[in-house]
Amino acid sequence: MAAGHMSDEQYKSAVSAVWRATIILAVVTVGEVIFALTLGHMLPKILVNTFYVIASFSKAFFIVGEFMHLKYEKRAFILSFAVPIMFLLWAIIALAIEGNYWNHLNFPK
């Protein structure tokens, strides 16, 4: 078999994995839309935003794992990718909190 070619079994497996991933992402997205149209206006904004953040992160995690093939890599590589991302997210959250503090400090109501 030449380099870069798949057997029929490998191809069918890859195609089914793509369809499975597409269906999972579609179900989560439809769930978000249904939530927004039915319960989004009745719940506190913090709960709605938390739901959207969790759903978005779960979709992003699944996309990175499946389509970027990160879940098939070795643990050390995954950690070398995930740890800096966690620090980046922590920095964004910390800077947003600090910016909000400075905003309220400099422009009181």
N, C-alpha and C. Protein backbone atom coordinates (compact mmCIF):
# COMPACT_ATOMS: atom_id res chain seq x y z
N MET A 1 0.84 -1.18 0.00
CA MET A 1 0.00 0.00 0.00
C MET A 1 0.89 1.24 0.00
N ALA A 2 0.59 2.18 -0.86
CA ALA A 2 1.39 3.40 -0.98
C ALA A 2 1.16 4.30 0.22
N ALA A 3 2.16 5.13 0.49
CA ALA A 3 2.04 6.06 1.62
C ALA A 3 0.91 7.06 1.38
N GLY A 4 0.13 7.31 2.40
CA GLY A 4 -0.94 8.30 2.29
C GLY A 4 -2.27 7.71 1.88
N HIS A 5 -2.30 6.42 1.58
CA HIS A 5 -3.56 5.79 1.18
C HIS A 5 -4.10 4.97 2.34
N MET A 6 -5.42 4.93 2.43
CA MET A 6 -6.09 4.17 3.48
C MET A 6 -6.74 2.93 2.87
N SER A 7 -6.89 1.95 3.73
CA SER A 7 -7.67 0.80 3.30
C SER A 7 -9.15 1.18 3.39
N ASP A 8 -10.00 0.35 2.83
CA ASP A 8 -11.43 0.63 2.87
C ASP A 8 -11.95 0.68 4.30
N GLU A 9 -11.43 -0.19 5.16
CA GLU A 9 -11.87 -0.21 6.56
C GLU A 9 -11.47 1.07 7.27
N GLN A 10 -10.24 1.52 7.05
CA GLN A 10 -9.78 2.76 7.67
C GLN A 10 -10.59 3.95 7.18
N TYR A 11 -10.90 3.97 5.90
CA TYR A 11 -11.68 5.06 5.34
C TYR A 11 -13.09 5.08 5.92
N LYS A 12 -13.72 3.93 5.98
CA LYS A 12 -15.07 3.86 6.55
C LYS A 12 -15.08 4.24 8.02
N SER A 13 -14.05 3.84 8.74
CA SER A 13 -13.94 4.21 10.15
C SER A 13 -13.77 5.72 10.31
N ALA A 14 -12.95 6.32 9.46
CA ALA A 14 -12.74 7.76 9.52
C ALA A 14 -14.01 8.53 9.17
N VAL A 15 -14.73 8.05 8.16
CA VAL A 15 -15.97 8.71 7.75
C VAL A 15 -17.02 8.60 8.87
N SER A 16 -17.12 7.43 9.49
CA SER A 16 -18.10 7.28 10.58
C SER A 16 -17.72 8.14 11.78
N ALA A 17 -16.42 8.31 12.04
CA ALA A 17 -15.99 9.18 13.15
C ALA A 17 -16.36 10.63 12.86
N VAL A 18 -16.21 11.07 11.63
CA VAL A 18 -16.59 12.44 11.27
C VAL A 18 -18.09 12.64 11.41
N TRP A 19 -18.88 11.67 10.95
CA TRP A 19 -20.34 11.79 11.09
C TRP A 19 -20.76 11.77 12.55
N ARG A 20 -20.13 10.92 13.35
CA ARG A 20 -20.44 10.87 14.78
C ARG A 20 -20.13 12.21 15.44
N ALA A 21 -18.98 12.77 15.12
CA ALA A 21 -18.60 14.07 15.69
C ALA A 21 -19.56 15.16 15.23
N THR A 22 -19.95 15.13 13.97
CA THR A 22 -20.88 16.13 13.45
C THR A 22 -22.23 16.04 14.15
N ILE A 23 -22.70 14.83 14.39
CA ILE A 23 -23.99 14.65 15.07
C ILE A 23 -23.90 15.13 16.52
N ILE A 24 -22.82 14.81 17.20
CA ILE A 24 -22.67 15.26 18.59
C ILE A 24 -22.64 16.78 18.66
N LEU A 25 -21.87 17.41 17.78
CA LEU A 25 -21.80 18.87 17.78
C LEU A 25 -23.15 19.49 17.41
N ALA A 26 -23.87 18.87 16.50
CA ALA A 26 -25.18 19.39 16.11
C ALA A 26 -26.17 19.27 17.26
N VAL A 27 -26.13 18.17 17.99
CA VAL A 27 -27.04 17.99 19.12
C VAL A 27 -26.77 19.04 20.20
N VAL A 28 -25.50 19.27 20.50
CA VAL A 28 -25.16 20.28 21.52
C VAL A 28 -25.59 21.67 21.05
N THR A 29 -25.37 21.98 19.78
CA THR A 29 -25.75 23.29 19.24
C THR A 29 -27.27 23.47 19.25
N VAL A 30 -28.01 22.44 18.84
CA VAL A 30 -29.47 22.51 18.87
C VAL A 30 -29.95 22.65 20.30
N GLY A 31 -29.29 21.96 21.23
CA GLY A 31 -29.62 22.12 22.65
C GLY A 31 -29.42 23.55 23.13
N GLU A 32 -28.34 24.18 22.69
CA GLU A 32 -28.11 25.59 23.05
C GLU A 32 -29.21 26.48 22.50
N VAL A 33 -29.59 26.27 21.26
CA VAL A 33 -30.62 27.10 20.63
C VAL A 33 -31.97 26.90 21.33
N ILE A 34 -32.32 25.65 21.60
CA ILE A 34 -33.58 25.39 22.31
C ILE A 34 -33.56 26.02 23.69
N PHE A 35 -32.45 25.91 24.39
CA PHE A 35 -32.31 26.54 25.70
C PHE A 35 -32.49 28.05 25.59
N ALA A 36 -31.88 28.65 24.59
CA ALA A 36 -31.98 30.10 24.41
C ALA A 36 -33.41 30.53 24.11
N LEU A 37 -34.11 29.76 23.29
CA LEU A 37 -35.46 30.15 22.89
C LEU A 37 -36.51 29.86 23.96
N THR A 38 -36.27 28.86 24.81
CA THR A 38 -37.29 28.49 25.79
C THR A 38 -37.00 29.03 27.18
N LEU A 39 -35.80 28.83 27.68
CA LEU A 39 -35.50 29.18 29.07
C LEU A 39 -34.57 30.38 29.21
N GLY A 40 -33.97 30.82 28.14
CA GLY A 40 -32.95 31.87 28.22
C GLY A 40 -33.43 33.16 28.82
N HIS A 41 -34.66 33.54 28.58
CA HIS A 41 -35.16 34.81 29.08
C HIS A 41 -35.76 34.70 30.47
N MET A 42 -35.98 33.49 30.99
CA MET A 42 -36.60 33.31 32.30
C MET A 42 -35.60 33.12 33.43
N LEU A 43 -34.40 32.69 33.12
CA LEU A 43 -33.39 32.41 34.13
C LEU A 43 -32.48 33.61 34.35
N PRO A 44 -31.82 33.65 35.51
CA PRO A 44 -30.84 34.72 35.74
C PRO A 44 -29.73 34.67 34.69
N LYS A 45 -29.23 35.84 34.37
CA LYS A 45 -28.23 35.95 33.29
C LYS A 45 -26.96 35.15 33.59
N ILE A 46 -26.59 35.06 34.87
CA ILE A 46 -25.37 34.33 35.21
C ILE A 46 -25.52 32.84 34.90
N LEU A 47 -26.71 32.28 35.11
CA LEU A 47 -26.93 30.87 34.79
C LEU A 47 -26.93 30.63 33.28
N VAL A 48 -27.54 31.53 32.56
CA VAL A 48 -27.58 31.41 31.10
C VAL A 48 -26.17 31.50 30.53
N ASN A 49 -25.41 32.49 30.98
CA ASN A 49 -24.04 32.65 30.49
C ASN A 49 -23.16 31.47 30.87
N THR A 50 -23.35 30.94 32.09
CA THR A 50 -22.59 29.77 32.52
C THR A 50 -22.89 28.57 31.63
N PHE A 51 -24.16 28.38 31.31
CA PHE A 51 -24.54 27.29 30.42
C PHE A 51 -23.87 27.44 29.06
N TYR A 52 -23.88 28.64 28.51
CA TYR A 52 -23.27 28.87 27.20
C TYR A 52 -21.76 28.66 27.23
N VAL A 53 -21.12 29.09 28.29
CA VAL A 53 -19.67 28.90 28.41
C VAL A 53 -19.33 27.42 28.49
N ILE A 54 -20.08 26.68 29.31
CA ILE A 54 -19.81 25.25 29.44
C ILE A 54 -20.07 24.53 28.12
N ALA A 55 -21.17 24.86 27.46
CA ALA A 55 -21.47 24.22 26.17
C ALA A 55 -20.41 24.57 25.12
N SER A 56 -19.98 25.82 25.10
CA SER A 56 -18.95 26.23 24.13
C SER A 56 -17.62 25.55 24.39
N PHE A 57 -17.23 25.47 25.67
CA PHE A 57 -15.97 24.79 26.00
C PHE A 57 -16.05 23.30 25.69
N SER A 58 -17.20 22.70 25.93
CA SER A 58 -17.31 21.28 25.61
C SER A 58 -17.22 21.04 24.11
N LYS A 59 -17.83 21.91 23.31
CA LYS A 59 -17.71 21.78 21.86
C LYS A 59 -16.28 22.02 21.41
N ALA A 60 -15.64 23.03 21.96
CA ALA A 60 -14.25 23.31 21.59
C ALA A 60 -13.33 22.15 21.98
N PHE A 61 -13.53 21.59 23.17
CA PHE A 61 -12.74 20.46 23.62
C PHE A 61 -12.93 19.27 22.69
N PHE A 62 -14.15 19.02 22.30
CA PHE A 62 -14.44 17.90 21.40
C PHE A 62 -13.83 18.13 20.02
N ILE A 63 -13.93 19.35 19.52
CA ILE A 63 -13.36 19.67 18.20
C ILE A 63 -11.85 19.51 18.21
N VAL A 64 -11.21 20.03 19.25
CA VAL A 64 -9.75 19.90 19.34
C VAL A 64 -9.35 18.43 19.48
N GLY A 65 -10.09 17.69 20.27
CA GLY A 65 -9.76 16.28 20.46
C GLY A 65 -9.99 15.44 19.23
N GLU A 66 -11.10 15.66 18.55
CA GLU A 66 -11.46 14.80 17.42
C GLU A 66 -10.85 15.27 16.10
N PHE A 67 -11.09 16.51 15.74
CA PHE A 67 -10.67 16.98 14.42
C PHE A 67 -9.19 17.38 14.37
N MET A 68 -8.64 17.81 15.49
CA MET A 68 -7.21 18.11 15.51
C MET A 68 -6.40 16.92 16.01
N HIS A 69 -7.07 15.81 16.27
CA HIS A 69 -6.47 14.53 16.65
C HIS A 69 -5.65 14.61 17.93
N LEU A 70 -5.99 15.53 18.82
CA LEU A 70 -5.22 15.66 20.05
C LEU A 70 -5.47 14.50 21.00
N LYS A 71 -6.67 13.91 20.96
CA LYS A 71 -6.94 12.82 21.88
C LYS A 71 -6.17 11.55 21.52
N TYR A 72 -5.57 11.52 20.36
CA TYR A 72 -4.79 10.36 19.95
C TYR A 72 -3.30 10.54 20.24
N GLU A 73 -2.93 11.68 20.80
CA GLU A 73 -1.52 11.96 21.06
C GLU A 73 -1.11 11.43 22.43
N LYS A 74 0.18 11.49 22.69
CA LYS A 74 0.71 11.05 23.98
C LYS A 74 0.37 12.08 25.05
N ARG A 75 0.33 11.61 26.30
CA ARG A 75 -0.07 12.45 27.43
C ARG A 75 0.85 13.68 27.58
N ALA A 76 2.13 13.51 27.38
CA ALA A 76 3.07 14.63 27.55
C ALA A 76 2.78 15.74 26.55
N PHE A 77 2.45 15.37 25.33
CA PHE A 77 2.13 16.39 24.32
C PHE A 77 0.84 17.10 24.68
N ILE A 78 -0.16 16.34 25.14
CA ILE A 78 -1.43 16.94 25.53
C ILE A 78 -1.22 17.93 26.67
N LEU A 79 -0.43 17.55 27.66
CA LEU A 79 -0.16 18.45 28.78
C LEU A 79 0.63 19.68 28.33
N SER A 80 1.57 19.50 27.40
CA SER A 80 2.34 20.66 26.93
C SER A 80 1.47 21.62 26.14
N PHE A 81 0.35 21.16 25.67
CA PHE A 81 -0.61 22.01 24.97
C PHE A 81 -1.66 22.58 25.94
N ALA A 82 -2.14 21.75 26.87
CA ALA A 82 -3.25 22.13 27.74
C ALA A 82 -2.83 23.09 28.86
N VAL A 83 -1.67 22.89 29.44
CA VAL A 83 -1.26 23.72 30.57
C VAL A 83 -1.11 25.19 30.17
N PRO A 84 -0.43 25.52 29.07
CA PRO A 84 -0.38 26.93 28.67
C PRO A 84 -1.76 27.52 28.36
N ILE A 85 -2.65 26.70 27.80
CA ILE A 85 -4.01 27.19 27.54
C ILE A 85 -4.71 27.53 28.85
N MET A 86 -4.54 26.68 29.87
CA MET A 86 -5.15 26.96 31.18
C MET A 86 -4.60 28.26 31.77
N PHE A 87 -3.29 28.47 31.65
CA PHE A 87 -2.71 29.72 32.15
C PHE A 87 -3.23 30.92 31.36
N LEU A 88 -3.41 30.75 30.06
CA LEU A 88 -3.95 31.82 29.24
C LEU A 88 -5.38 32.16 29.66
N LEU A 89 -6.20 31.15 29.88
CA LEU A 89 -7.57 31.38 30.34
C LEU A 89 -7.58 32.05 31.71
N TRP A 90 -6.69 31.59 32.61
CA TRP A 90 -6.60 32.21 33.93
C TRP A 90 -6.22 33.68 33.79
N ALA A 91 -5.27 34.00 32.91
CA ALA A 91 -4.84 35.39 32.72
C ALA A 91 -5.97 36.24 32.17
N ILE A 92 -6.74 35.71 31.24
CA ILE A 92 -7.86 36.47 30.68
C ILE A 92 -8.90 36.76 31.76
N ILE A 93 -9.23 35.75 32.56
CA ILE A 93 -10.21 35.94 33.64
C ILE A 93 -9.68 36.92 34.67
N ALA A 94 -8.42 36.79 35.07
CA ALA A 94 -7.83 37.69 36.06
C ALA A 94 -7.79 39.13 35.55
N LEU A 95 -7.43 39.32 34.28
CA LEU A 95 -7.39 40.66 33.72
C LEU A 95 -8.78 41.26 33.58
N ALA A 96 -9.77 40.44 33.28
CA ALA A 96 -11.15 40.94 33.20
C ALA A 96 -11.64 41.37 34.57
N ILE A 97 -11.34 40.60 35.61
CA ILE A 97 -11.74 40.97 36.97
C ILE A 97 -11.02 42.24 37.40
N GLU A 98 -9.73 42.30 37.14
CA GLU A 98 -8.95 43.48 37.50
C GLU A 98 -9.42 44.72 36.75
N GLY A 99 -9.73 44.56 35.46
CA GLY A 99 -10.24 45.68 34.67
C GLY A 99 -11.58 46.17 35.19
N ASN A 100 -12.44 45.24 35.61
CA ASN A 100 -13.72 45.63 36.18
C ASN A 100 -13.52 46.39 37.49
N TYR A 101 -12.57 45.92 38.31
CA TYR A 101 -12.25 46.61 39.57
C TYR A 101 -11.78 48.04 39.29
N TRP A 102 -10.83 48.19 38.35
CA TRP A 102 -10.32 49.52 38.03
C TRP A 102 -11.41 50.41 37.43
N ASN A 103 -12.29 49.82 36.65
CA ASN A 103 -13.39 50.59 36.07
C ASN A 103 -14.30 51.15 37.17
N HIS A 104 -14.63 50.33 38.15
CA HIS A 104 -15.48 50.78 39.24
C HIS A 104 -14.72 51.74 40.18
N LEU A 105 -13.43 51.58 40.28
CA LEU A 105 -12.62 52.45 41.14
C LEU A 105 -12.52 53.85 40.52
N ASN A 106 -12.30 53.92 39.23
CA ASN A 106 -12.10 55.20 38.56
C ASN A 106 -13.40 55.88 38.13
N PHE A 107 -14.44 55.11 37.92
CA PHE A 107 -15.73 55.67 37.48
C PHE A 107 -16.84 55.17 38.39
N PRO A 108 -16.88 55.67 39.64
CA PRO A 108 -17.94 55.19 40.54
C PRO A 108 -19.31 55.65 40.07
N LYS A 109 -20.33 54.91 40.46
CA LYS A 109 -21.69 55.25 40.05
C LYS A 109 -22.23 56.42 40.83
